[in-house]
Amino acid sequence: MFRVRQLTRMRIILAFVVAVVADGLQFLLNGVGWFGLDQAIDCVAMILVSWLIGFHILLLPTFAVELVPVLEDLPTWTTCTAAVITLRKREQRSVPPPIPPEKPPIEI
């Protein structure tokens, strides 16, 4: 969960789906006012997004912001997921692929 994963198209799509569903559920269930439901959605979103694209430090403030009553209505999971994916793509583009080791000459 904490290691940086190679971003694939499917991982990116699934991470966005999780983020949008989490933000949508929190927005729709805001009027219900059940204590703990928003926090459960946040925990599940944090775990799934971290599993899909790897843990990033930006996920922690997003998790904390979701505890503030007025700010929880903002699409924080979607925004944070987009930011983390952008940063990860930039990191993966800048790191060259590993060079395979040279084979020793064959002695006859």
PDB file of N, CA and C in Angstrom:
ATOM      1  N   MET A   1       0.811  -1.190   0.000  1.00  0.00           N
ATOM      2  CA  MET A   1       0.000   0.000   0.000  1.00  0.00           C
ATOM      3  C   MET A   1       0.859   1.260   0.000  1.00  0.00           C
ATOM      4  N   PHE A   2       2.026   1.226   0.635  1.00  0.00           N
ATOM      5  CA  PHE A   2       2.851   2.421   0.740  1.00  0.00           C
ATOM      6  C   PHE A   2       3.848   2.574  -0.396  1.00  0.00           C
ATOM      7  N   ARG A   3       4.063   1.532  -1.179  1.00  0.00           N
ATOM      8  CA  ARG A   3       5.040   1.672  -2.254  1.00  0.00           C
ATOM      9  C   ARG A   3       4.408   2.380  -3.445  1.00  0.00           C
ATOM     10  N   VAL A   4       5.245   3.027  -4.205  1.00  0.00           N
ATOM     11  CA  VAL A   4       4.782   3.746  -5.383  1.00  0.00           C
ATOM     12  C   VAL A   4       4.492   2.727  -6.471  1.00  0.00           C
ATOM     13  N   ARG A   5       3.301   2.767  -6.975  1.00  0.00           N
ATOM     14  CA  ARG A   5       2.896   1.806  -8.001  1.00  0.00           C
ATOM     15  C   ARG A   5       3.057   2.421  -9.392  1.00  0.00           C
ATOM     16  N   GLN A   6       3.308   1.571 -10.351  1.00  0.00           N
ATOM     17  CA  GLN A   6       3.354   2.007 -11.737  1.00  0.00           C
ATOM     18  C   GLN A   6       1.936   2.376 -12.153  1.00  0.00           C
ATOM     19  N   LEU A   7       1.744   3.593 -12.612  1.00  0.00           N
ATOM     20  CA  LEU A   7       0.413   4.030 -13.012  1.00  0.00           C
ATOM     21  C   LEU A   7       0.036   3.401 -14.346  1.00  0.00           C
ATOM     22  N   THR A   8      -1.096   2.765 -14.349  1.00  0.00           N
ATOM     23  CA  THR A   8      -1.660   2.241 -15.585  1.00  0.00           C
ATOM     24  C   THR A   8      -2.990   2.944 -15.817  1.00  0.00           C
ATOM     25  N   ARG A   9      -3.478   2.835 -17.005  1.00  0.00           N
ATOM     26  CA  ARG A   9      -4.748   3.473 -17.338  1.00  0.00           C
ATOM     27  C   ARG A   9      -5.867   2.961 -16.433  1.00  0.00           C
ATOM     28  N   MET A  10      -5.884   1.654 -16.167  1.00  0.00           N
ATOM     29  CA  MET A  10      -6.935   1.069 -15.332  1.00  0.00           C
ATOM     30  C   MET A  10      -6.833   1.553 -13.886  1.00  0.00           C
ATOM     31  N   ARG A  11      -5.629   1.648 -13.349  1.00  0.00           N
ATOM     32  CA  ARG A  11      -5.445   2.137 -11.970  1.00  0.00           C
ATOM     33  C   ARG A  11      -5.910   3.588 -11.844  1.00  0.00           C
ATOM     34  N   ILE A  12      -5.603   4.400 -12.837  1.00  0.00           N
ATOM     35  CA  ILE A  12      -6.003   5.805 -12.813  1.00  0.00           C
ATOM     36  C   ILE A  12      -7.523   5.914 -12.858  1.00  0.00           C
ATOM     37  N   ILE A  13      -8.147   5.171 -13.744  1.00  0.00           N
ATOM     38  CA  ILE A  13      -9.609   5.207 -13.859  1.00  0.00           C
ATOM     39  C   ILE A  13     -10.263   4.745 -12.561  1.00  0.00           C
ATOM     40  N   LEU A  14      -9.780   3.645 -12.004  1.00  0.00           N
ATOM     41  CA  LEU A  14     -10.369   3.131 -10.764  1.00  0.00           C
ATOM     42  C   LEU A  14     -10.174   4.097  -9.598  1.00  0.00           C
ATOM     43  N   ALA A  15      -9.017   4.742  -9.530  1.00  0.00           N
ATOM     44  CA  ALA A  15      -8.774   5.719  -8.463  1.00  0.00           C
ATOM     45  C   ALA A  15      -9.738   6.900  -8.585  1.00  0.00           C
ATOM     46  N   PHE A  16      -9.966   7.364  -9.798  1.00  0.00           N
ATOM     47  CA  PHE A  16     -10.923   8.452  -9.992  1.00  0.00           C
ATOM     48  C   PHE A  16     -12.350   8.013  -9.664  1.00  0.00           C
ATOM     49  N   VAL A  17     -12.693   6.786 -10.016  1.00  0.00           N
ATOM     50  CA  VAL A  17     -14.031   6.277  -9.688  1.00  0.00           C
ATOM     51  C   VAL A  17     -14.226   6.253  -8.170  1.00  0.00           C
ATOM     52  N   VAL A  18     -13.238   5.749  -7.443  1.00  0.00           N
ATOM     53  CA  VAL A  18     -13.322   5.709  -5.982  1.00  0.00           C
ATOM     54  C   VAL A  18     -13.465   7.120  -5.419  1.00  0.00           C
ATOM     55  N   ALA A  19     -12.670   8.063  -5.920  1.00  0.00           N
ATOM     56  CA  ALA A  19     -12.699   9.432  -5.410  1.00  0.00           C
ATOM     57  C   ALA A  19     -14.040  10.109  -5.701  1.00  0.00           C
ATOM     58  N   VAL A  20     -14.543   9.957  -6.913  1.00  0.00           N
ATOM     59  CA  VAL A  20     -15.807  10.589  -7.289  1.00  0.00           C
ATOM     60  C   VAL A  20     -16.967   9.972  -6.503  1.00  0.00           C
ATOM     61  N   VAL A  21     -16.954   8.661  -6.344  1.00  0.00           N
ATOM     62  CA  VAL A  21     -18.014   8.002  -5.571  1.00  0.00           C
ATOM     63  C   VAL A  21     -17.969   8.449  -4.112  1.00  0.00           C
ATOM     64  N   ALA A  22     -16.777   8.541  -3.537  1.00  0.00           N
ATOM     65  CA  ALA A  22     -16.659   8.988  -2.145  1.00  0.00           C
ATOM     66  C   ALA A  22     -17.175  10.417  -1.987  1.00  0.00           C
ATOM     67  N   ASP A  23     -16.757  11.319  -2.877  1.00  0.00           N
ATOM     68  CA  ASP A  23     -17.232  12.707  -2.806  1.00  0.00           C
ATOM     69  C   ASP A  23     -18.738  12.789  -3.043  1.00  0.00           C
ATOM     70  N   GLY A  24     -19.237  12.007  -3.996  1.00  0.00           N
ATOM     71  CA  GLY A  24     -20.676  12.016  -4.287  1.00  0.00           C
ATOM     72  C   GLY A  24     -21.506  11.498  -3.126  1.00  0.00           C
ATOM     73  N   LEU A  25     -21.068  10.396  -2.534  1.00  0.00           N
ATOM     74  CA  LEU A  25     -21.791   9.857  -1.379  1.00  0.00           C
ATOM     75  C   LEU A  25     -21.798  10.842  -0.218  1.00  0.00           C
ATOM     76  N   GLN A  26     -20.681  11.467   0.037  1.00  0.00           N
ATOM     77  CA  GLN A  26     -20.628  12.427   1.139  1.00  0.00           C
ATOM     78  C   GLN A  26     -21.511  13.641   0.870  1.00  0.00           C
ATOM     79  N   PHE A  27     -21.576  14.069  -0.366  1.00  0.00           N
ATOM     80  CA  PHE A  27     -22.435  15.202  -0.704  1.00  0.00           C
ATOM     81  C   PHE A  27     -23.913  14.824  -0.572  1.00  0.00           C
ATOM     82  N   LEU A  28     -24.275  13.633  -1.064  1.00  0.00           N
ATOM     83  CA  LEU A  28     -25.672  13.197  -1.002  1.00  0.00           C
ATOM     84  C   LEU A  28     -26.122  12.884   0.421  1.00  0.00           C
ATOM     85  N   LEU A  29     -25.244  12.306   1.214  1.00  0.00           N
ATOM     86  CA  LEU A  29     -25.605  11.906   2.573  1.00  0.00           C
ATOM     87  C   LEU A  29     -25.364  13.003   3.601  1.00  0.00           C
ATOM     88  N   ASN A  30     -25.012  14.195   3.155  1.00  0.00           N
ATOM     89  CA  ASN A  30     -24.715  15.290   4.077  1.00  0.00           C
ATOM     90  C   ASN A  30     -25.919  15.637   4.950  1.00  0.00           C
ATOM     91  N   GLY A  31     -27.103  15.627   4.387  1.00  0.00           N
ATOM     92  CA  GLY A  31     -28.300  15.991   5.134  1.00  0.00           C
ATOM     93  C   GLY A  31     -28.729  14.937   6.145  1.00  0.00           C
ATOM     94  N   VAL A  32     -28.288  13.711   5.966  1.00  0.00           N
ATOM     95  CA  VAL A  32     -28.682  12.637   6.878  1.00  0.00           C
ATOM     96  C   VAL A  32     -28.082  12.867   8.259  1.00  0.00           C
ATOM     97  N   GLY A  33     -26.833  13.272   8.300  1.00  0.00           N
ATOM     98  CA  GLY A  33     -26.189  13.624   9.559  1.00  0.00           C
ATOM     99  C   GLY A  33     -25.808  12.451  10.438  1.00  0.00           C
ATOM    100  N   TRP A  34     -25.640  11.276   9.864  1.00  0.00           N
ATOM    101  CA  TRP A  34     -25.219  10.123  10.662  1.00  0.00           C
ATOM    102  C   TRP A  34     -23.763  10.291  11.041  1.00  0.00           C
ATOM    103  N   PHE A  35     -23.512  10.252  12.311  1.00  0.00           N
ATOM    104  CA  PHE A  35     -22.140  10.378  12.777  1.00  0.00           C
ATOM    105  C   PHE A  35     -21.386   9.094  12.444  1.00  0.00           C
ATOM    106  N   GLY A  36     -20.233   9.244  11.872  1.00  0.00           N
ATOM    107  CA  GLY A  36     -19.385   8.093  11.576  1.00  0.00           C
ATOM    108  C   GLY A  36     -19.470   7.625  10.138  1.00  0.00           C
ATOM    109  N   LEU A  37     -20.579   7.910   9.446  1.00  0.00           N
ATOM    110  CA  LEU A  37     -20.714   7.455   8.068  1.00  0.00           C
ATOM    111  C   LEU A  37     -19.729   8.179   7.154  1.00  0.00           C
ATOM    112  N   ASP A  38     -19.606   9.499   7.322  1.00  0.00           N
ATOM    113  CA  ASP A  38     -18.641  10.260   6.521  1.00  0.00           C
ATOM    114  C   ASP A  38     -17.218   9.790   6.781  1.00  0.00           C
ATOM    115  N   GLN A  39     -16.904   9.521   8.045  1.00  0.00           N
ATOM    116  CA  GLN A  39     -15.564   9.062   8.394  1.00  0.00           C
ATOM    117  C   GLN A  39     -15.294   7.672   7.820  1.00  0.00           C
ATOM    118  N   ALA A  40     -16.300   6.822   7.785  1.00  0.00           N
ATOM    119  CA  ALA A  40     -16.138   5.485   7.195  1.00  0.00           C
ATOM    120  C   ALA A  40     -15.881   5.590   5.694  1.00  0.00           C
ATOM    121  N   ILE A  41     -16.617   6.478   5.030  1.00  0.00           N
ATOM    122  CA  ILE A  41     -16.406   6.700   3.594  1.00  0.00           C
ATOM    123  C   ILE A  41     -14.990   7.209   3.360  1.00  0.00           C
ATOM    124  N   ASP A  42     -14.525   8.136   4.211  1.00  0.00           N
ATOM    125  CA  ASP A  42     -13.164   8.664   4.083  1.00  0.00           C
ATOM    126  C   ASP A  42     -12.113   7.575   4.266  1.00  0.00           C
ATOM    127  N   CYS A  43     -12.309   6.717   5.248  1.00  0.00           N
ATOM    128  CA  CYS A  43     -11.343   5.626   5.493  1.00  0.00           C
ATOM    129  C   CYS A  43     -11.272   4.681   4.305  1.00  0.00           C
ATOM    130  N   VAL A  44     -12.427   4.314   3.784  1.00  0.00           N
ATOM    131  CA  VAL A  44     -12.461   3.406   2.630  1.00  0.00           C
ATOM    132  C   VAL A  44     -11.816   4.083   1.419  1.00  0.00           C
ATOM    133  N   ALA A  45     -12.120   5.362   1.196  1.00  0.00           N
ATOM    134  CA  ALA A  45     -11.535   6.095   0.061  1.00  0.00           C
ATOM    135  C   ALA A  45     -10.021   6.175   0.204  1.00  0.00           C
ATOM    136  N   MET A  46      -9.542   6.479   1.399  1.00  0.00           N
ATOM    137  CA  MET A  46      -8.094   6.591   1.639  1.00  0.00           C
ATOM    138  C   MET A  46      -7.388   5.264   1.369  1.00  0.00           C
ATOM    139  N   ILE A  47      -7.960   4.183   1.864  1.00  0.00           N
ATOM    140  CA  ILE A  47      -7.348   2.867   1.688  1.00  0.00           C
ATOM    141  C   ILE A  47      -7.355   2.461   0.216  1.00  0.00           C
ATOM    142  N   LEU A  48      -8.483   2.633  -0.459  1.00  0.00           N
ATOM    143  CA  LEU A  48      -8.573   2.208  -1.861  1.00  0.00           C
ATOM    144  C   LEU A  48      -7.701   3.048  -2.791  1.00  0.00           C
ATOM    145  N   VAL A  49      -7.721   4.361  -2.597  1.00  0.00           N
ATOM    146  CA  VAL A  49      -6.887   5.222  -3.448  1.00  0.00           C
ATOM    147  C   VAL A  49      -5.406   4.931  -3.191  1.00  0.00           C
ATOM    148  N   SER A  50      -5.040   4.726  -1.928  1.00  0.00           N
ATOM    149  CA  SER A  50      -3.637   4.391  -1.613  1.00  0.00           C
ATOM    150  C   SER A  50      -3.245   3.057  -2.219  1.00  0.00           C
ATOM    151  N   TRP A  51      -4.154   2.112  -2.221  1.00  0.00           N
ATOM    152  CA  TRP A  51      -3.868   0.794  -2.796  1.00  0.00           C
ATOM    153  C   TRP A  51      -3.745   0.875  -4.317  1.00  0.00           C
ATOM    154  N   LEU A  52      -4.560   1.711  -4.936  1.00  0.00           N
ATOM    155  CA  LEU A  52      -4.554   1.795  -6.395  1.00  0.00           C
ATOM    156  C   LEU A  52      -3.362   2.568  -6.947  1.00  0.00           C
ATOM    157  N   ILE A  53      -3.055   3.725  -6.374  1.00  0.00           N
ATOM    158  CA  ILE A  53      -1.986   4.554  -6.945  1.00  0.00           C
ATOM    159  C   ILE A  53      -0.805   4.717  -6.004  1.00  0.00           C
ATOM    160  N   GLY A  54      -0.852   4.086  -4.841  1.00  0.00           N
ATOM    161  CA  GLY A  54       0.230   4.195  -3.880  1.00  0.00           C
ATOM    162  C   GLY A  54       0.002   5.359  -2.932  1.00  0.00           C
ATOM    163  N   PHE A  55       0.490   5.220  -1.724  1.00  0.00           N
ATOM    164  CA  PHE A  55       0.309   6.265  -0.724  1.00  0.00           C
ATOM    165  C   PHE A  55       1.110   7.501  -1.102  1.00  0.00           C
ATOM    166  N   HIS A  56       0.522   8.654  -0.870  1.00  0.00           N
ATOM    167  CA  HIS A  56       1.193   9.933  -1.068  1.00  0.00           C
ATOM    168  C   HIS A  56       0.838  10.821   0.113  1.00  0.00           C
ATOM    169  N   ILE A  57       1.754  11.679   0.511  1.00  0.00           N
ATOM    170  CA  ILE A  57       1.562  12.533   1.683  1.00  0.00           C
ATOM    171  C   ILE A  57       0.369  13.479   1.514  1.00  0.00           C
ATOM    172  N   LEU A  58      -0.021  13.815   0.287  1.00  0.00           N
ATOM    173  CA  LEU A  58      -1.176  14.679   0.057  1.00  0.00           C
ATOM    174  C   LEU A  58      -2.489  14.049   0.502  1.00  0.00           C
ATOM    175  N   LEU A  59      -2.508  12.742   0.635  1.00  0.00           N
ATOM    176  CA  LEU A  59      -3.739  12.082   1.065  1.00  0.00           C
ATOM    177  C   LEU A  59      -4.055  12.364   2.534  1.00  0.00           C
ATOM    178  N   LEU A  60      -3.050  12.632   3.344  1.00  0.00           N
ATOM    179  CA  LEU A  60      -3.287  12.888   4.769  1.00  0.00           C
ATOM    180  C   LEU A  60      -4.035  14.199   5.020  1.00  0.00           C
ATOM    181  N   PRO A  61      -3.626  15.332   4.421  1.00  0.00           N
ATOM    182  CA  PRO A  61      -4.420  16.547   4.625  1.00  0.00           C
ATOM    183  C   PRO A  61      -5.842  16.421   4.078  1.00  0.00           C
ATOM    184  N   THR A  62      -6.001  15.683   2.998  1.00  0.00           N
ATOM    185  CA  THR A  62      -7.335  15.479   2.443  1.00  0.00           C
ATOM    186  C   THR A  62      -8.202  14.741   3.441  1.00  0.00           C
ATOM    187  N   PHE A  63      -7.626  13.728   4.066  1.00  0.00           N
ATOM    188  CA  PHE A  63      -8.349  12.970   5.086  1.00  0.00           C
ATOM    189  C   PHE A  63      -8.729  13.885   6.248  1.00  0.00           C
ATOM    190  N   ALA A  64      -7.822  14.774   6.657  1.00  0.00           N
ATOM    191  CA  ALA A  64      -8.078  15.688   7.776  1.00  0.00           C
ATOM    192  C   ALA A  64      -9.115  16.754   7.408  1.00  0.00           C
ATOM    193  N   VAL A  65      -9.064  17.270   6.180  1.00  0.00           N
ATOM    194  CA  VAL A  65     -10.009  18.300   5.745  1.00  0.00           C
ATOM    195  C   VAL A  65     -11.432  17.739   5.737  1.00  0.00           C
ATOM    196  N   GLU A  66     -11.575  16.473   5.462  1.00  0.00           N
ATOM    197  CA  GLU A  66     -12.895  15.858   5.427  1.00  0.00           C
ATOM    198  C   GLU A  66     -13.568  15.845   6.796  1.00  0.00           C
ATOM    199  N   LEU A  67     -12.823  16.074   7.858  1.00  0.00           N
ATOM    200  CA  LEU A  67     -13.403  16.114   9.197  1.00  0.00           C
ATOM    201  C   LEU A  67     -14.034  17.465   9.519  1.00  0.00           C
ATOM    202  N   VAL A  68     -13.714  18.496   8.729  1.00  0.00           N
ATOM    203  CA  VAL A  68     -14.277  19.837   8.932  1.00  0.00           C
ATOM    204  C   VAL A  68     -15.664  19.868   8.286  1.00  0.00           C
ATOM    205  N   PRO A  69     -16.706  20.241   9.046  1.00  0.00           N
ATOM    206  CA  PRO A  69     -18.087  20.118   8.553  1.00  0.00           C
ATOM    207  C   PRO A  69     -18.376  20.816   7.224  1.00  0.00           C
ATOM    208  N   VAL A  70     -17.971  22.047   7.025  1.00  0.00           N
ATOM    209  CA  VAL A  70     -18.319  22.750   5.788  1.00  0.00           C
ATOM    210  C   VAL A  70     -17.447  22.293   4.621  1.00  0.00           C
ATOM    211  N   LEU A  71     -16.197  22.005   4.887  1.00  0.00           N
ATOM    212  CA  LEU A  71     -15.266  21.629   3.823  1.00  0.00           C
ATOM    213  C   LEU A  71     -15.494  20.223   3.288  1.00  0.00           C
ATOM    214  N   GLU A  72     -16.233  19.396   4.027  1.00  0.00           N
ATOM    215  CA  GLU A  72     -16.451  18.031   3.568  1.00  0.00           C
ATOM    216  C   GLU A  72     -17.330  17.965   2.322  1.00  0.00           C
ATOM    217  N   ASP A  73     -18.043  19.059   2.026  1.00  0.00           N
ATOM    218  CA  ASP A  73     -18.884  19.084   0.826  1.00  0.00           C
ATOM    219  C   ASP A  73     -18.096  19.348  -0.450  1.00  0.00           C
ATOM    220  N   LEU A  74     -16.861  19.800  -0.322  1.00  0.00           N
ATOM    221  CA  LEU A  74     -16.022  20.039  -1.496  1.00  0.00           C
ATOM    222  C   LEU A  74     -15.504  18.707  -2.044  1.00  0.00           C
ATOM    223  N   PRO A  75     -15.226  18.643  -3.331  1.00  0.00           N
ATOM    224  CA  PRO A  75     -14.722  17.386  -3.926  1.00  0.00           C
ATOM    225  C   PRO A  75     -13.230  17.175  -3.625  1.00  0.00           C
ATOM    226  N   THR A  76     -12.901  17.019  -2.359  1.00  0.00           N
ATOM    227  CA  THR A  76     -11.500  16.937  -1.955  1.00  0.00           C
ATOM    228  C   THR A  76     -10.830  15.650  -2.419  1.00  0.00           C
ATOM    229  N   TRP A  77     -11.538  14.529  -2.377  1.00  0.00           N
ATOM    230  CA  TRP A  77     -10.920  13.269  -2.809  1.00  0.00           C
ATOM    231  C   TRP A  77     -10.616  13.291  -4.303  1.00  0.00           C
ATOM    232  N   THR A  78     -11.517  13.820  -5.080  1.00  0.00           N
ATOM    233  CA  THR A  78     -11.301  13.887  -6.518  1.00  0.00           C
ATOM    234  C   THR A  78     -10.132  14.818  -6.843  1.00  0.00           C
ATOM    235  N   THR A  79     -10.087  15.973  -6.192  1.00  0.00           N
ATOM    236  CA  THR A  79      -9.019  16.933  -6.429  1.00  0.00           C
ATOM    237  C   THR A  79      -7.664  16.365  -6.005  1.00  0.00           C
ATOM    238  N   CYS A  80      -7.630  15.744  -4.848  1.00  0.00           N
ATOM    239  CA  CYS A  80      -6.369  15.180  -4.352  1.00  0.00           C
ATOM    240  C   CYS A  80      -5.899  14.018  -5.235  1.00  0.00           C
ATOM    241  N   THR A  81      -6.824  13.179  -5.667  1.00  0.00           N
ATOM    242  CA  THR A  81      -6.458  12.068  -6.544  1.00  0.00           C
ATOM    243  C   THR A  81      -5.876  12.592  -7.851  1.00  0.00           C
ATOM    244  N   ALA A  82      -6.471  13.641  -8.405  1.00  0.00           N
ATOM    245  CA  ALA A  82      -5.933  14.234  -9.635  1.00  0.00           C
ATOM    246  C   ALA A  82      -4.536  14.802  -9.399  1.00  0.00           C
ATOM    247  N   ALA A  83      -4.336  15.451  -8.260  1.00  0.00           N
ATOM    248  CA  ALA A  83      -3.014  16.020  -7.951  1.00  0.00           C
ATOM    249  C   ALA A  83      -1.966  14.930  -7.781  1.00  0.00           C
ATOM    250  N   VAL A  84      -2.303  13.871  -7.073  1.00  0.00           N
ATOM    251  CA  VAL A  84      -1.346  12.779  -6.852  1.00  0.00           C
ATOM    252  C   VAL A  84      -1.009  12.078  -8.170  1.00  0.00           C
ATOM    253  N   ILE A  85      -1.997  11.866  -9.003  1.00  0.00           N
ATOM    254  CA  ILE A  85      -1.747  11.217 -10.298  1.00  0.00           C
ATOM    255  C   ILE A  85      -0.850  12.097 -11.163  1.00  0.00           C
ATOM    256  N   THR A  86      -1.101  13.400 -11.158  1.00  0.00           N
ATOM    257  CA  THR A  86      -0.249  14.323 -11.920  1.00  0.00           C
ATOM    258  C   THR A  86       1.193  14.277 -11.424  1.00  0.00           C
ATOM    259  N   LEU A  87       1.376  14.311 -10.107  1.00  0.00           N
ATOM    260  CA  LEU A  87       2.730  14.243  -9.543  1.00  0.00           C
ATOM    261  C   LEU A  87       3.404  12.911  -9.858  1.00  0.00           C
ATOM    262  N   ARG A  88       2.659  11.820  -9.753  1.00  0.00           N
ATOM    263  CA  ARG A  88       3.228  10.498 -10.038  1.00  0.00           C
ATOM    264  C   ARG A  88       3.613  10.358 -11.502  1.00  0.00           C
ATOM    265  N   LYS A  89       2.793  10.879 -12.400  1.00  0.00           N
ATOM    266  CA  LYS A  89       3.133  10.818 -13.830  1.00  0.00           C
ATOM    267  C   LYS A  89       4.409  11.596 -14.100  1.00  0.00           C
ATOM    268  N   ARG A  90       4.534  12.758 -13.468  1.00  0.00           N
ATOM    269  CA  ARG A  90       5.738  13.568 -13.644  1.00  0.00           C
ATOM    270  C   ARG A  90       6.962  12.836 -13.112  1.00  0.00           C
ATOM    271  N   GLU A  91       6.834  12.179 -11.953  1.00  0.00           N
ATOM    272  CA  GLU A  91       7.945  11.414 -11.375  1.00  0.00           C
ATOM    273  C   GLU A  91       8.333  10.254 -12.291  1.00  0.00           C
ATOM    274  N   GLN A  92       7.349   9.540 -12.794  1.00  0.00           N
ATOM    275  CA  GLN A  92       7.637   8.372 -13.621  1.00  0.00           C
ATOM    276  C   GLN A  92       8.215   8.769 -14.970  1.00  0.00           C
ATOM    277  N   ARG A  93       7.865   9.954 -15.469  1.00  0.00           N
ATOM    278  CA  ARG A  93       8.441  10.416 -16.725  1.00  0.00           C
ATOM    279  C   ARG A  93       9.893  10.820 -16.562  1.00  0.00           C
ATOM    280  N   SER A  94      10.237  11.361 -15.399  1.00  0.00           N
ATOM    281  CA  SER A  94      11.592  11.871 -15.197  1.00  0.00           C
ATOM    282  C   SER A  94      12.588  10.779 -14.831  1.00  0.00           C
ATOM    283  N   VAL A  95      12.120   9.648 -14.356  1.00  0.00           N
ATOM    284  CA  VAL A  95      13.010   8.555 -13.978  1.00  0.00           C
ATOM    285  C   VAL A  95      13.215   7.656 -15.196  1.00  0.00           C
ATOM    286  N   PRO A  96      14.462   7.519 -15.669  1.00  0.00           N
ATOM    287  CA  PRO A  96      14.700   6.657 -16.831  1.00  0.00           C
ATOM    288  C   PRO A  96      14.539   5.183 -16.436  1.00  0.00           C
ATOM    289  N   PRO A  97      14.182   4.342 -17.381  1.00  0.00           N
ATOM    290  CA  PRO A  97      14.049   2.918 -17.063  1.00  0.00           C
ATOM    291  C   PRO A  97      15.411   2.327 -16.695  1.00  0.00           C
ATOM    292  N   PRO A  98      15.406   1.300 -15.860  1.00  0.00           N
ATOM    293  CA  PRO A  98      16.692   0.707 -15.462  1.00  0.00           C
ATOM    294  C   PRO A  98      17.414   0.078 -16.653  1.00  0.00           C
ATOM    295  N   ILE A  99      18.719   0.222 -16.651  1.00  0.00           N
ATOM    296  CA  ILE A  99      19.548  -0.339 -17.720  1.00  0.00           C
ATOM    297  C   ILE A  99      19.880  -1.776 -17.347  1.00  0.00           C
ATOM    298  N   PRO A 100      19.636  -2.713 -18.259  1.00  0.00           N
ATOM    299  CA  PRO A 100      19.952  -4.105 -17.927  1.00  0.00           C
ATOM    300  C   PRO A 100      21.466  -4.292 -17.795  1.00  0.00           C
ATOM    301  N   PRO A 101      21.885  -5.174 -16.897  1.00  0.00           N
ATOM    302  CA  PRO A 101      23.332  -5.389 -16.727  1.00  0.00           C
ATOM    303  C   PRO A 101      23.938  -6.032 -17.976  1.00  0.00           C
ATOM    304  N   GLU A 102      25.197  -5.700 -18.198  1.00  0.00           N
ATOM    305  CA  GLU A 102      25.895  -6.271 -19.354  1.00  0.00           C
ATOM    306  C   GLU A 102      26.236  -7.729 -19.073  1.00  0.00           C
ATOM    307  N   LYS A 103      26.151  -8.514 -20.115  1.00  0.00           N
ATOM    308  CA  LYS A 103      26.501  -9.939 -19.965  1.00  0.00           C
ATOM    309  C   LYS A 103      28.014 -10.088 -20.131  1.00  0.00           C
ATOM    310  N   PRO A 104      28.637 -10.894 -19.291  1.00  0.00           N
ATOM    311  CA  PRO A 104      30.080 -11.112 -19.453  1.00  0.00           C
ATOM    312  C   PRO A 104      30.359 -11.889 -20.737  1.00  0.00           C
ATOM    313  N   PRO A 105      31.510 -11.664 -21.325  1.00  0.00           N
ATOM    314  CA  PRO A 105      31.849 -12.406 -22.559  1.00  0.00           C
ATOM    315  C   PRO A 105      31.961 -13.906 -22.256  1.00  0.00           C
ATOM    316  N   ILE A 106      31.569 -14.675 -23.233  1.00  0.00           N
ATOM    317  CA  ILE A 106      31.636 -16.134 -23.083  1.00  0.00           C
ATOM    318  C   ILE A 106      33.040 -16.592 -23.444  1.00  0.00           C
ATOM    319  N   GLU A 107      33.649 -17.326 -22.521  1.00  0.00           N
ATOM    320  CA  GLU A 107      34.999 -17.846 -22.759  1.00  0.00           C
ATOM    321  C   GLU A 107      34.888 -19.268 -23.317  1.00  0.00           C
ATOM    322  N   ILE A 108      35.723 -19.533 -24.286  1.00  0.00           N
ATOM    323  CA  ILE A 108      35.709 -20.864 -24.921  1.00  0.00           C
ATOM    324  C   ILE A 108      36.870 -21.688 -24.427  1.00  0.00           C
TER     325      ILE A 108
END
